[in-house]
């Protein structure tokens, strides 16, 4: 069969595979010490000096690949609100729910459903925030999103999303990887596997995080490449210190020392690659080369002082901060440089109402919105002004939504909602998306009434916009063909521009 990278899948006996693993481990443990600088420095020196170039890298796992068909988008920025934003306060206006505020939820509506914390028969809770229509599209948005309202005509609001997991970590995994099981490749990994990356100086898949550390955690397993080659895993950029760990040269390693080791390391690499033929060695070497190039490219990339004062004000960013605003601006700089997939996590959207402020819809949710509303709208405007929005798909959402019922009895200062995977809202912009509103929930916002969009459908549509057939982007692992959408998913034609 042909995998997503266009290569024939090979099948080896267990003895051969074990021998290769042993050889690979010995090779990597004995020779990796200087690969990052040595191989990367050779490439950089030849490129900068104008001298004859060295032979091409032995393996280029992120080389640009042809899509299955003409794409509408080339890159993706995913703005992920970790914890599950409440659609009732933001994107899905429910006047009937407001009218029934404080009354018990109809028993037959929730019979047999499972919740994270709700017990018994809770009361319904309407939103405390006003909604209004904006733009020529008449999109209904909450007063908590005044900046987003200024780009209403660029948005595709999907009010009929649904998923299969009601706890945070499995739901985050499902949104990212199409499976609740840890170890499956993330969406960004599938994209670089299928399309490669246009950047030679930066990873194809970059992860940024901001917000309070409390609440559901976010970690490596959310951006792992799983069983795909490791070159496709996400690379986390930090907000403080070196943007990438171990980016700086260690003490005692000089420019001259790196140069002196180049030839010998290249010879060793060639010998081992010819003897073993394991593509993972090539992928690791390519990562080392990229890491060295990043020593030059990343400091320039992350220096937001190169942006104008007007741009910084537009995003609400400040040089030296670690914030969602800074990350949105950095995301634009990343896609400008050819990075395929950028994912921004913003924490602390898990609003159960356990206390008056930290987990409260009435207090914490407005604060989260103040942190993300202006930067998200600025990102859309900035991409559009630079001619990048048409080829950049922006996604905003969380792992699931919240219930129309309160988790605990509301008070004038406290309101909390439980997890709800059965119906929630997201928005998209750019990248071939048709602006407008898609889908509808019932009058209480509990069940989908029209045009349901499953996570697998969302993934199939995103891949389609990037020129990939979700049924053909396949990788064989442990005797089974895997894909991002598993054995489900369909392209949501109404979302296509």
Protein backbone atom coordinates (compact mmCIF):
# COMPACT_ATOMS: atom_id res chain seq x y z
CA UNK A 1 0.00 0.00 0.00
CA UNK A 2 1.00 3.67 -0.26
CA UNK A 3 1.14 5.69 2.95
CA UNK A 4 0.38 9.39 3.41
CA UNK A 5 3.94 10.31 2.52
CA UNK A 6 3.79 8.51 -0.81
CA UNK A 7 6.10 5.65 0.20
CA UNK A 8 5.51 1.93 -0.03
CA UNK A 9 4.96 0.34 3.38
CA UNK A 10 7.50 -2.34 4.26
CA UNK A 11 6.96 -5.47 6.32
CA UNK A 12 9.84 -7.02 8.25
CA UNK A 13 10.10 -10.13 10.38
CA UNK A 14 10.40 -9.62 14.16
CA UNK A 15 14.07 -10.66 14.20
CA UNK A 16 14.99 -8.10 11.55
CA UNK A 17 13.03 -5.40 13.33
CA UNK A 18 14.70 -6.18 16.66
CA UNK A 19 18.13 -6.05 15.07
CA UNK A 20 17.37 -2.69 13.54
CA UNK A 21 16.13 -1.29 16.84
CA UNK A 22 19.27 -2.49 18.64
CA UNK A 23 21.52 -1.01 15.97
CA UNK A 24 19.63 2.25 15.99
CA UNK A 25 19.87 2.63 19.75
CA UNK A 26 23.61 1.94 19.69
CA UNK A 27 24.12 4.40 16.86
CA UNK A 28 22.11 7.21 18.42
CA UNK A 29 23.58 6.77 21.90
CA UNK A 30 27.15 6.84 20.58
CA UNK A 31 26.99 9.62 18.00
CA UNK A 32 24.23 12.12 18.76
CA UNK A 33 26.29 14.38 20.99
CA UNK A 34 27.35 16.74 18.24
CA UNK A 35 24.77 16.19 15.51
CA UNK A 36 22.70 19.30 16.16
CA UNK A 37 25.49 21.73 15.60
CA UNK A 38 27.74 19.74 13.29
CA UNK A 39 25.31 18.86 10.55
CA UNK A 40 23.31 22.05 10.91
CA UNK A 41 26.44 24.20 10.90
CA UNK A 42 27.67 22.61 7.68
CA UNK A 43 24.43 23.52 5.96
CA UNK A 44 24.41 27.04 7.38
CA UNK A 45 28.05 27.77 6.54
CA UNK A 46 27.65 26.68 2.94
CA UNK A 47 24.44 28.66 2.52
CA UNK A 48 25.94 31.83 3.98
CA UNK A 49 29.39 31.67 2.39
CA UNK A 50 28.27 31.00 -1.17
CA UNK A 51 30.68 28.05 -1.37
CA UNK A 52 29.80 24.76 -3.04
CA UNK A 53 26.93 23.14 -1.15
CA UNK A 54 27.32 19.89 0.75
CA UNK A 55 25.24 16.90 -0.40
CA UNK A 56 21.55 17.19 0.36
CA UNK A 57 20.43 15.87 3.76
CA UNK A 58 20.02 12.12 3.84
CA UNK A 59 16.37 12.46 4.77
CA UNK A 60 13.93 15.37 4.48
CA UNK A 61 10.80 14.30 6.36
CA UNK A 62 9.32 17.81 6.19
CA UNK A 63 9.90 18.37 2.48
CA UNK A 64 6.85 19.87 0.78
CA UNK A 65 4.53 17.24 -0.69
CA UNK A 66 1.82 17.62 -3.27
CA UNK A 67 -1.75 17.57 -1.89
CA UNK A 68 -4.33 15.18 -3.28
CA UNK A 69 -6.12 18.05 -5.02
CA UNK A 70 -5.98 21.84 -5.23
CA UNK A 71 -6.12 23.27 -1.69
CA UNK A 72 -8.02 26.32 -0.50
CA UNK A 73 -5.76 26.75 2.54
CA UNK A 74 -2.05 26.20 3.10
CA UNK A 75 -1.73 26.51 6.85
CA UNK A 76 -3.75 26.40 10.08
CA UNK A 77 -3.79 28.39 13.32
CA UNK A 78 -5.81 26.66 16.04
CA UNK A 79 -6.82 28.79 19.03
CA UNK A 80 -7.68 26.20 21.67
CA UNK A 81 -9.51 27.31 24.82
CA UNK A 82 -8.57 24.57 27.27
CA UNK A 83 -11.39 23.64 29.64
CA UNK A 84 -14.46 24.06 27.47
CA UNK A 85 -15.90 27.58 26.94
CA UNK A 86 -19.60 28.05 27.64
CA UNK A 87 -21.43 28.47 24.35
CA UNK A 88 -24.45 29.94 26.17
CA UNK A 89 -22.47 32.99 27.25
CA UNK A 90 -20.57 33.42 23.97
CA UNK A 91 -21.90 32.01 20.69
CA UNK A 92 -25.30 30.31 21.11
CA UNK A 93 -28.05 32.71 22.23
CA UNK A 94 -30.99 30.93 23.90
CA UNK A 95 -33.90 33.26 24.81
CA UNK A 96 -36.08 30.30 25.86
CA UNK A 97 -33.39 29.09 28.24
CA UNK A 98 -33.25 32.57 29.75
CA UNK A 99 -37.02 32.53 30.22
CA UNK A 100 -36.84 29.18 32.06
CA UNK A 101 -33.95 30.23 34.29
CA UNK A 102 -34.18 28.54 37.69
CA UNK A 103 -36.68 25.84 36.70
CA UNK A 104 -35.84 22.12 36.81
CA UNK A 105 -34.50 20.60 33.62
CA UNK A 106 -37.10 18.31 31.93
CA UNK A 107 -36.29 14.83 33.18
CA UNK A 108 -36.84 13.18 29.82
CA UNK A 109 -34.29 15.52 28.22
CA UNK A 110 -31.36 14.25 30.25
CA UNK A 111 -32.51 10.72 31.11
CA UNK A 112 -29.58 8.30 30.91
CA UNK A 113 -26.99 10.97 30.14
CA UNK A 114 -23.70 11.05 31.98
CA UNK A 115 -22.12 14.14 33.52
CA UNK A 116 -18.83 14.89 35.22
CA UNK A 117 -20.32 16.44 38.39
CA UNK A 118 -24.09 17.02 38.11
CA UNK A 119 -26.24 14.77 40.27
CA UNK A 120 -30.00 14.53 40.53
CA UNK A 121 -32.27 16.96 38.66
CA UNK A 122 -30.57 20.36 38.36
CA UNK A 123 -32.13 23.66 37.41
CA UNK A 124 -31.75 25.43 34.09
CA UNK A 125 -29.66 28.58 33.89
CA UNK A 126 -29.91 31.31 31.28
CA UNK A 127 -27.08 33.63 30.35
CA UNK A 128 -26.41 36.83 32.28
CA UNK A 129 -24.84 38.46 29.22
CA UNK A 130 -26.56 40.22 26.32
CA UNK A 131 -26.33 39.17 22.68
CA UNK A 132 -26.58 41.37 19.58
CA UNK A 133 -26.38 40.91 15.82
CA UNK A 134 -23.30 42.15 13.97
CA UNK A 135 -22.14 42.71 10.42
CA UNK A 136 -24.03 42.11 7.21
CA UNK A 137 -24.34 38.45 8.20
CA UNK A 138 -26.25 39.33 11.35
CA UNK A 139 -24.16 36.94 13.42
CA UNK A 140 -25.31 36.83 17.06
CA UNK A 141 -22.42 37.35 19.45
CA UNK A 142 -22.17 37.98 23.17
CA UNK A 143 -21.27 41.32 24.66
CA UNK A 144 -18.19 39.52 26.04
CA UNK A 145 -16.76 39.45 22.49
CA UNK A 146 -16.84 43.10 21.30
CA UNK A 147 -13.65 42.84 19.25
CA UNK A 148 -14.71 39.63 17.56
CA UNK A 149 -17.95 41.39 16.60
CA UNK A 150 -15.90 43.73 14.37
CA UNK A 151 -14.92 40.75 12.15
CA UNK A 152 -18.32 39.03 12.29
CA UNK A 153 -18.57 38.81 8.50
CA UNK A 154 -15.34 36.78 8.36
CA UNK A 155 -16.58 34.14 10.79
CA UNK A 156 -18.18 30.77 10.26
CA UNK A 157 -19.91 30.00 13.57
CA UNK A 158 -20.72 26.31 14.07
CA UNK A 159 -23.32 25.84 16.82
CA UNK A 160 -23.81 22.12 16.34
CA UNK A 161 -20.47 20.57 17.26
CA UNK A 162 -20.46 17.31 19.22
CA UNK A 163 -17.84 14.94 20.53
CA UNK A 164 -17.67 11.61 22.38
CA UNK A 165 -15.78 12.42 25.58
CA UNK A 166 -17.02 14.30 28.67
CA UNK A 167 -13.76 14.48 30.65
CA UNK A 168 -11.07 16.98 29.78
CA UNK A 169 -7.99 15.03 28.80
CA UNK A 170 -9.77 12.41 26.64
CA UNK A 171 -11.82 15.20 25.03
CA UNK A 172 -8.71 17.29 24.29
CA UNK A 173 -7.09 14.20 22.78
CA UNK A 174 -10.21 13.56 20.71
CA UNK A 175 -10.30 17.14 19.39
CA UNK A 176 -6.60 17.01 18.54
CA UNK A 177 -6.14 13.45 17.35
CA UNK A 178 -9.58 12.02 16.56
CA UNK A 179 -9.16 9.50 19.37
CA UNK A 180 -9.28 9.60 23.17
CA UNK A 181 -6.31 7.22 23.37
CA UNK A 182 -2.94 8.74 24.18
CA UNK A 183 -0.32 8.05 21.53
CA UNK A 184 -2.32 8.86 18.40
CA UNK A 185 -0.87 11.52 16.08
CA UNK A 186 -2.16 15.05 16.52
CA UNK A 187 -3.81 17.00 13.70
CA UNK A 188 -0.68 19.08 13.18
CA UNK A 189 1.37 15.90 12.81
CA UNK A 190 -1.01 14.51 10.20
CA UNK A 191 -0.78 17.76 8.25
CA UNK A 192 3.03 17.82 8.10
CA UNK A 193 2.99 14.09 7.33
CA UNK A 194 0.70 14.67 4.38
CA UNK A 195 1.98 18.04 3.17
CA UNK A 196 5.39 18.68 4.71
CA UNK A 197 6.32 22.23 5.64
CA UNK A 198 7.28 25.29 3.62
CA UNK A 199 9.75 26.44 6.28
CA UNK A 200 13.32 25.13 6.33
CA UNK A 201 14.26 27.17 9.40
CA UNK A 202 11.39 26.29 11.75
CA UNK A 203 9.36 23.21 12.75
CA UNK A 204 6.30 22.44 10.69
CA UNK A 205 4.12 22.14 13.82
CA UNK A 206 4.55 24.68 16.65
CA UNK A 207 2.73 24.81 20.01
CA UNK A 208 2.29 27.89 22.23
CA UNK A 209 0.59 28.08 25.63
CA UNK A 210 -0.69 30.90 27.85
CA UNK A 211 -3.04 31.55 30.74
CA UNK A 212 -3.25 30.47 34.36
CA UNK A 213 -1.72 27.08 35.13
CA UNK A 214 -4.76 25.95 37.14
CA UNK A 215 -7.36 23.71 35.59
CA UNK A 216 -6.96 20.96 33.00
CA UNK A 217 -3.28 20.42 32.14
CA UNK A 218 -1.81 20.51 28.66
CA UNK A 219 1.24 18.48 27.72
CA UNK A 220 3.34 16.68 25.16
CA UNK A 221 0.79 13.92 24.55
CA UNK A 222 -1.54 16.55 23.06
CA UNK A 223 0.90 17.33 20.24
CA UNK A 224 2.75 14.05 19.86
CA UNK A 225 3.35 12.49 16.45
CA UNK A 226 2.30 9.13 17.86
CA UNK A 227 3.23 6.33 15.47
CA UNK A 228 4.16 8.77 12.70
CA UNK A 229 7.87 9.61 12.32
CA UNK A 230 9.06 11.83 15.17
CA UNK A 231 9.92 14.66 12.77
CA UNK A 232 6.17 15.40 12.68
CA UNK A 233 5.61 16.01 16.39
CA UNK A 234 4.80 19.47 17.68
CA UNK A 235 7.54 21.68 19.12
CA UNK A 236 6.61 23.73 22.19
CA UNK A 237 7.84 27.34 22.23
CA UNK A 238 8.08 28.74 25.77
CA UNK A 239 7.09 32.21 26.93
CA UNK A 240 10.17 32.81 29.09
CA UNK A 241 13.89 32.17 28.67
CA UNK A 242 15.01 30.34 25.57
CA UNK A 243 11.88 29.84 23.42
CA UNK A 244 12.97 26.24 22.84
CA UNK A 245 14.82 24.19 25.45
CA UNK A 246 18.52 23.57 24.75
CA UNK A 247 18.48 26.05 21.87
CA UNK A 248 21.65 27.78 23.08
CA UNK A 249 25.09 26.19 22.78
CA UNK A 250 26.30 24.56 26.01
CA UNK A 251 29.31 26.10 27.77
CA UNK A 252 32.63 25.22 26.10
CA UNK A 253 31.16 24.43 22.68
CA UNK A 254 32.49 26.96 20.20
CA UNK A 255 31.89 27.74 16.57
CA UNK A 256 35.28 26.20 15.70
CA UNK A 257 34.60 23.02 17.72
CA UNK A 258 31.37 22.46 15.84
CA UNK A 259 33.06 22.99 12.48
CA UNK A 260 35.85 20.48 13.22
CA UNK A 261 33.40 17.65 13.87
CA UNK A 262 31.31 18.08 10.73
CA UNK A 263 33.15 15.83 8.30
CA UNK A 264 33.56 12.89 10.66
CA UNK A 265 29.94 13.02 11.80
CA UNK A 266 28.68 13.17 8.24
CA UNK A 267 30.75 10.09 7.36
CA UNK A 268 29.43 8.20 10.38
CA UNK A 269 25.91 9.17 9.49
CA UNK A 270 26.30 7.99 5.91
CA UNK A 271 27.71 4.63 6.99
CA UNK A 272 24.99 3.99 9.53
CA UNK A 273 22.20 5.04 7.21
CA UNK A 274 23.48 2.74 4.46
CA UNK A 275 23.93 -0.19 6.83
CA UNK A 276 20.65 0.09 8.72
CA UNK A 277 18.26 1.94 6.43
CA UNK A 278 16.02 2.94 9.31
CA UNK A 279 14.13 6.14 8.34
CA UNK A 280 13.93 7.14 12.01
CA UNK A 281 17.70 7.78 11.96
CA UNK A 282 17.24 10.15 9.07
CA UNK A 283 14.33 11.83 10.83
CA UNK A 284 16.41 12.32 13.97
CA UNK A 285 19.30 13.74 11.98
CA UNK A 286 16.97 16.11 10.15
CA UNK A 287 15.66 17.27 13.54
CA UNK A 288 19.22 17.98 14.69
CA UNK A 289 19.93 19.99 11.56
CA UNK A 290 16.71 21.93 12.04
CA UNK A 291 17.54 22.57 15.69
CA UNK A 292 20.80 24.22 14.70
CA UNK A 293 19.14 26.39 12.08
CA UNK A 294 16.64 27.41 14.75
CA UNK A 295 19.49 28.89 16.79
CA UNK A 296 19.48 31.66 14.20
CA UNK A 297 15.83 31.76 13.11
CA UNK A 298 14.02 31.53 16.46
CA UNK A 299 15.55 34.58 18.19
CA UNK A 300 14.61 36.71 15.17
CA UNK A 301 11.14 35.17 15.03
CA UNK A 302 10.32 35.70 18.69
CA UNK A 303 11.62 39.28 18.86
CA UNK A 304 8.28 41.10 18.84
CA UNK A 305 10.17 44.37 19.16
CA UNK A 306 10.54 44.16 15.39
CA UNK A 307 6.79 44.80 15.09
CA UNK A 308 5.42 48.34 14.90
CA UNK A 309 3.87 50.01 17.92
CA UNK A 310 0.59 50.07 16.00
CA UNK A 311 0.63 46.30 15.52
CA UNK A 312 1.46 45.68 19.17
CA UNK A 313 -1.47 47.88 20.24
CA UNK A 314 -3.77 46.16 17.78
CA UNK A 315 -3.09 42.77 19.41
CA UNK A 316 -2.77 44.12 22.96
CA UNK A 317 0.70 42.58 22.99
CA UNK A 318 3.75 43.77 24.91
CA UNK A 319 7.38 42.86 24.28
CA UNK A 320 8.56 40.46 26.95
CA UNK A 321 5.11 39.31 28.06
CA UNK A 322 3.95 35.72 28.10
CA UNK A 323 0.35 36.14 26.96
CA UNK A 324 -2.26 34.99 24.50
CA UNK A 325 -1.89 38.34 22.72
CA UNK A 326 1.82 37.80 22.22
CA UNK A 327 1.19 34.25 21.05
CA UNK A 328 -1.39 35.38 18.47
CA UNK A 329 1.14 37.83 17.05
CA UNK A 330 3.81 35.13 17.12
CA UNK A 331 1.42 32.78 15.30
CA UNK A 332 1.11 35.29 12.48
CA UNK A 333 4.91 35.55 12.29
CA UNK A 334 5.17 31.75 12.20
CA UNK A 335 2.72 31.24 9.32
CA UNK A 336 4.40 34.09 7.42
CA UNK A 337 7.55 31.97 7.54
CA UNK A 338 5.85 28.86 6.19
CA UNK A 339 4.98 26.91 9.35
CA UNK A 340 2.15 24.53 8.51
CA UNK A 341 0.26 24.26 11.82
CA UNK A 342 0.35 26.53 14.87
CA UNK A 343 -1.68 25.67 17.96
CA UNK A 344 -2.27 28.15 20.78
CA UNK A 345 -3.53 26.77 24.09
CA UNK A 346 -5.12 29.23 26.52
CA UNK A 347 -5.89 27.67 29.89
CA UNK A 348 -8.52 27.99 32.61
CA UNK A 349 -11.88 27.80 30.81
CA UNK A 350 -13.25 25.11 33.14
CA UNK A 351 -16.01 27.06 34.88
CA UNK A 352 -17.91 24.82 37.28
CA UNK A 353 -18.79 27.51 39.82
CA UNK A 354 -16.92 25.94 42.74
CA UNK A 355 -16.00 29.39 44.03
CA UNK A 356 -16.81 33.04 43.44
CA UNK A 357 -14.04 33.85 40.99
CA UNK A 358 -11.58 31.23 39.76
CA UNK A 359 -14.12 28.79 38.32
CA UNK A 360 -17.14 31.00 37.93
CA UNK A 361 -19.01 31.78 34.72
CA UNK A 362 -19.91 35.24 36.03
CA UNK A 363 -16.36 36.28 36.90
CA UNK A 364 -13.75 33.99 35.33
CA UNK A 365 -15.40 33.76 31.91
CA UNK A 366 -15.41 37.55 31.30
CA UNK A 367 -11.76 37.66 32.34
CA UNK A 368 -10.83 34.88 29.89
CA UNK A 369 -12.70 36.73 27.15
CA UNK A 370 -10.81 39.94 27.88
CA UNK A 371 -7.59 37.97 27.42
CA UNK A 372 -8.48 36.42 24.05
CA UNK A 373 -11.10 38.58 22.32
CA UNK A 374 -8.91 41.44 21.13
CA UNK A 375 -5.92 39.29 20.05
CA UNK A 376 -8.11 36.79 18.16
CA UNK A 377 -9.88 39.57 16.25
CA UNK A 378 -6.55 41.32 15.62
CA UNK A 379 -5.12 38.10 14.20
CA UNK A 380 -7.93 37.88 11.64
CA UNK A 381 -7.54 41.55 10.67
CA UNK A 382 -3.75 41.31 10.47
CA UNK A 383 -3.81 38.16 8.33
CA UNK A 384 -6.41 39.76 6.06
CA UNK A 385 -4.44 43.00 5.71
CA UNK A 386 -1.32 41.04 4.75
CA UNK A 387 -3.13 38.87 2.20
CA UNK A 388 -2.67 35.74 4.33
CA UNK A 389 -6.21 35.04 5.56
CA UNK A 390 -7.40 33.41 2.33
CA UNK A 391 -4.69 30.75 2.72
CA UNK A 392 -4.71 30.52 6.51
CA UNK A 393 -7.49 28.70 8.33
CA UNK A 394 -8.12 30.00 11.87
CA UNK A 395 -10.07 27.82 14.32
CA UNK A 396 -11.35 28.83 17.78
CA UNK A 397 -12.92 26.43 20.26
CA UNK A 398 -12.47 24.01 23.14
CA UNK A 399 -12.75 20.30 23.79
CA UNK A 400 -16.51 20.44 24.53
CA UNK A 401 -19.19 22.86 25.72
CA UNK A 402 -21.14 23.41 28.93
CA UNK A 403 -24.56 22.31 30.13
CA UNK A 404 -27.65 24.54 30.13
CA UNK A 405 -28.16 23.30 33.71
CA UNK A 406 -26.24 24.67 36.66
CA UNK A 407 -23.89 22.43 38.55
CA UNK A 408 -24.74 24.13 41.84
CA UNK A 409 -27.56 26.49 42.82
CA UNK A 410 -26.72 29.89 41.32
CA UNK A 411 -26.38 33.00 43.42
CA UNK A 412 -25.96 36.66 42.38
CA UNK A 413 -22.18 36.10 42.44
CA UNK A 414 -21.82 32.46 41.44
CA UNK A 415 -22.77 30.35 38.45
CA UNK A 416 -21.20 27.16 37.16
CA UNK A 417 -21.89 24.78 34.31
CA UNK A 418 -20.82 21.14 33.87
CA UNK A 419 -19.12 19.52 30.87
CA UNK A 420 -21.33 18.91 27.84
CA UNK A 421 -20.01 16.97 24.83
CA UNK A 422 -23.42 16.69 23.13
CA UNK A 423 -23.63 20.21 21.73
CA UNK A 424 -21.17 23.09 21.66
CA UNK A 425 -19.94 25.94 19.46
CA UNK A 426 -16.75 26.93 17.66
CA UNK A 427 -15.86 29.49 15.02
CA UNK A 428 -13.59 29.42 11.98
CA UNK A 429 -12.26 32.09 9.63
CA UNK A 430 -10.26 32.28 6.40
CA UNK A 431 -8.79 29.35 4.50
CA UNK A 432 -11.74 28.74 2.17
CA UNK A 433 -14.41 28.74 4.88
CA UNK A 434 -17.90 30.04 4.05
CA UNK A 435 -18.79 32.77 6.58
CA UNK A 436 -22.14 32.57 8.31
CA UNK A 437 -23.79 30.40 10.94
CA UNK A 438 -24.10 26.63 10.62
CA UNK A 439 -26.14 24.26 12.75
CA UNK A 440 -28.77 24.71 15.41
CA UNK A 441 -29.43 23.31 18.87
CA UNK A 442 -32.82 22.93 20.56
CA UNK A 443 -34.37 25.83 22.44
CA UNK A 444 -32.50 24.84 25.60
CA UNK A 445 -29.19 24.31 23.78
CA UNK A 446 -28.94 20.73 25.02
CA UNK A 447 -29.32 18.65 21.85
CA UNK A 448 -28.44 19.26 18.22
CA UNK A 449 -31.49 20.06 16.13
CA UNK A 450 -29.91 20.66 12.71
CA UNK A 451 -26.64 20.07 10.80
CA UNK A 452 -24.66 18.25 13.48
CA UNK A 453 -20.88 18.35 13.03
CA UNK A 454 -18.86 15.62 14.74
CA UNK A 455 -15.17 16.11 15.49
CA UNK A 456 -14.39 13.58 12.72
CA UNK A 457 -16.44 15.74 10.32
CA UNK A 458 -14.49 18.82 11.37
CA UNK A 459 -11.20 17.00 10.76
CA UNK A 460 -12.36 15.71 7.37
CA UNK A 461 -13.33 19.26 6.39
CA UNK A 462 -10.06 20.79 7.57
CA UNK A 463 -8.05 18.23 5.62
CA UNK A 464 -10.22 18.85 2.56
CA UNK A 465 -9.54 22.59 2.75
CA UNK A 466 -5.82 21.82 2.72
CA UNK A 467 -6.17 19.59 -0.33
CA UNK A 468 -6.16 16.24 1.46
CA UNK A 469 -8.70 13.43 1.18
CA UNK A 470 -9.19 12.24 4.76
CA UNK A 471 -9.83 8.67 3.57
CA UNK A 472 -6.52 8.59 1.68
CA UNK A 473 -4.25 10.13 4.33
CA UNK A 474 -3.32 6.78 5.85
CA UNK A 475 -0.44 5.30 7.85
CA UNK A 476 -0.01 1.60 8.48
CA UNK A 477 0.85 0.74 12.08
CA UNK A 478 0.91 -2.67 13.79
CA UNK A 479 -0.90 -4.31 10.90
CA UNK A 480 -3.71 -1.77 10.68
CA UNK A 481 -4.28 1.28 8.49
CA UNK A 482 -4.85 4.40 10.62
CA UNK A 483 -6.17 7.80 9.66
CA UNK A 484 -7.08 10.96 11.55
CA UNK A 485 -10.82 10.37 11.08
CA UNK A 486 -10.61 6.64 11.95
CA UNK A 487 -13.45 4.99 9.97
CA UNK A 488 -15.84 7.95 10.12
CA UNK A 489 -16.11 11.59 9.14
CA UNK A 490 -17.46 13.44 6.14
CA UNK A 491 -16.67 16.80 4.59
CA UNK A 492 -19.15 19.45 5.70
CA UNK A 493 -19.97 20.99 2.34
CA UNK A 494 -21.90 23.89 3.88
CA UNK A 495 -18.67 25.10 5.46
CA UNK A 496 -16.85 25.39 2.13
CA UNK A 497 -16.65 28.80 0.51
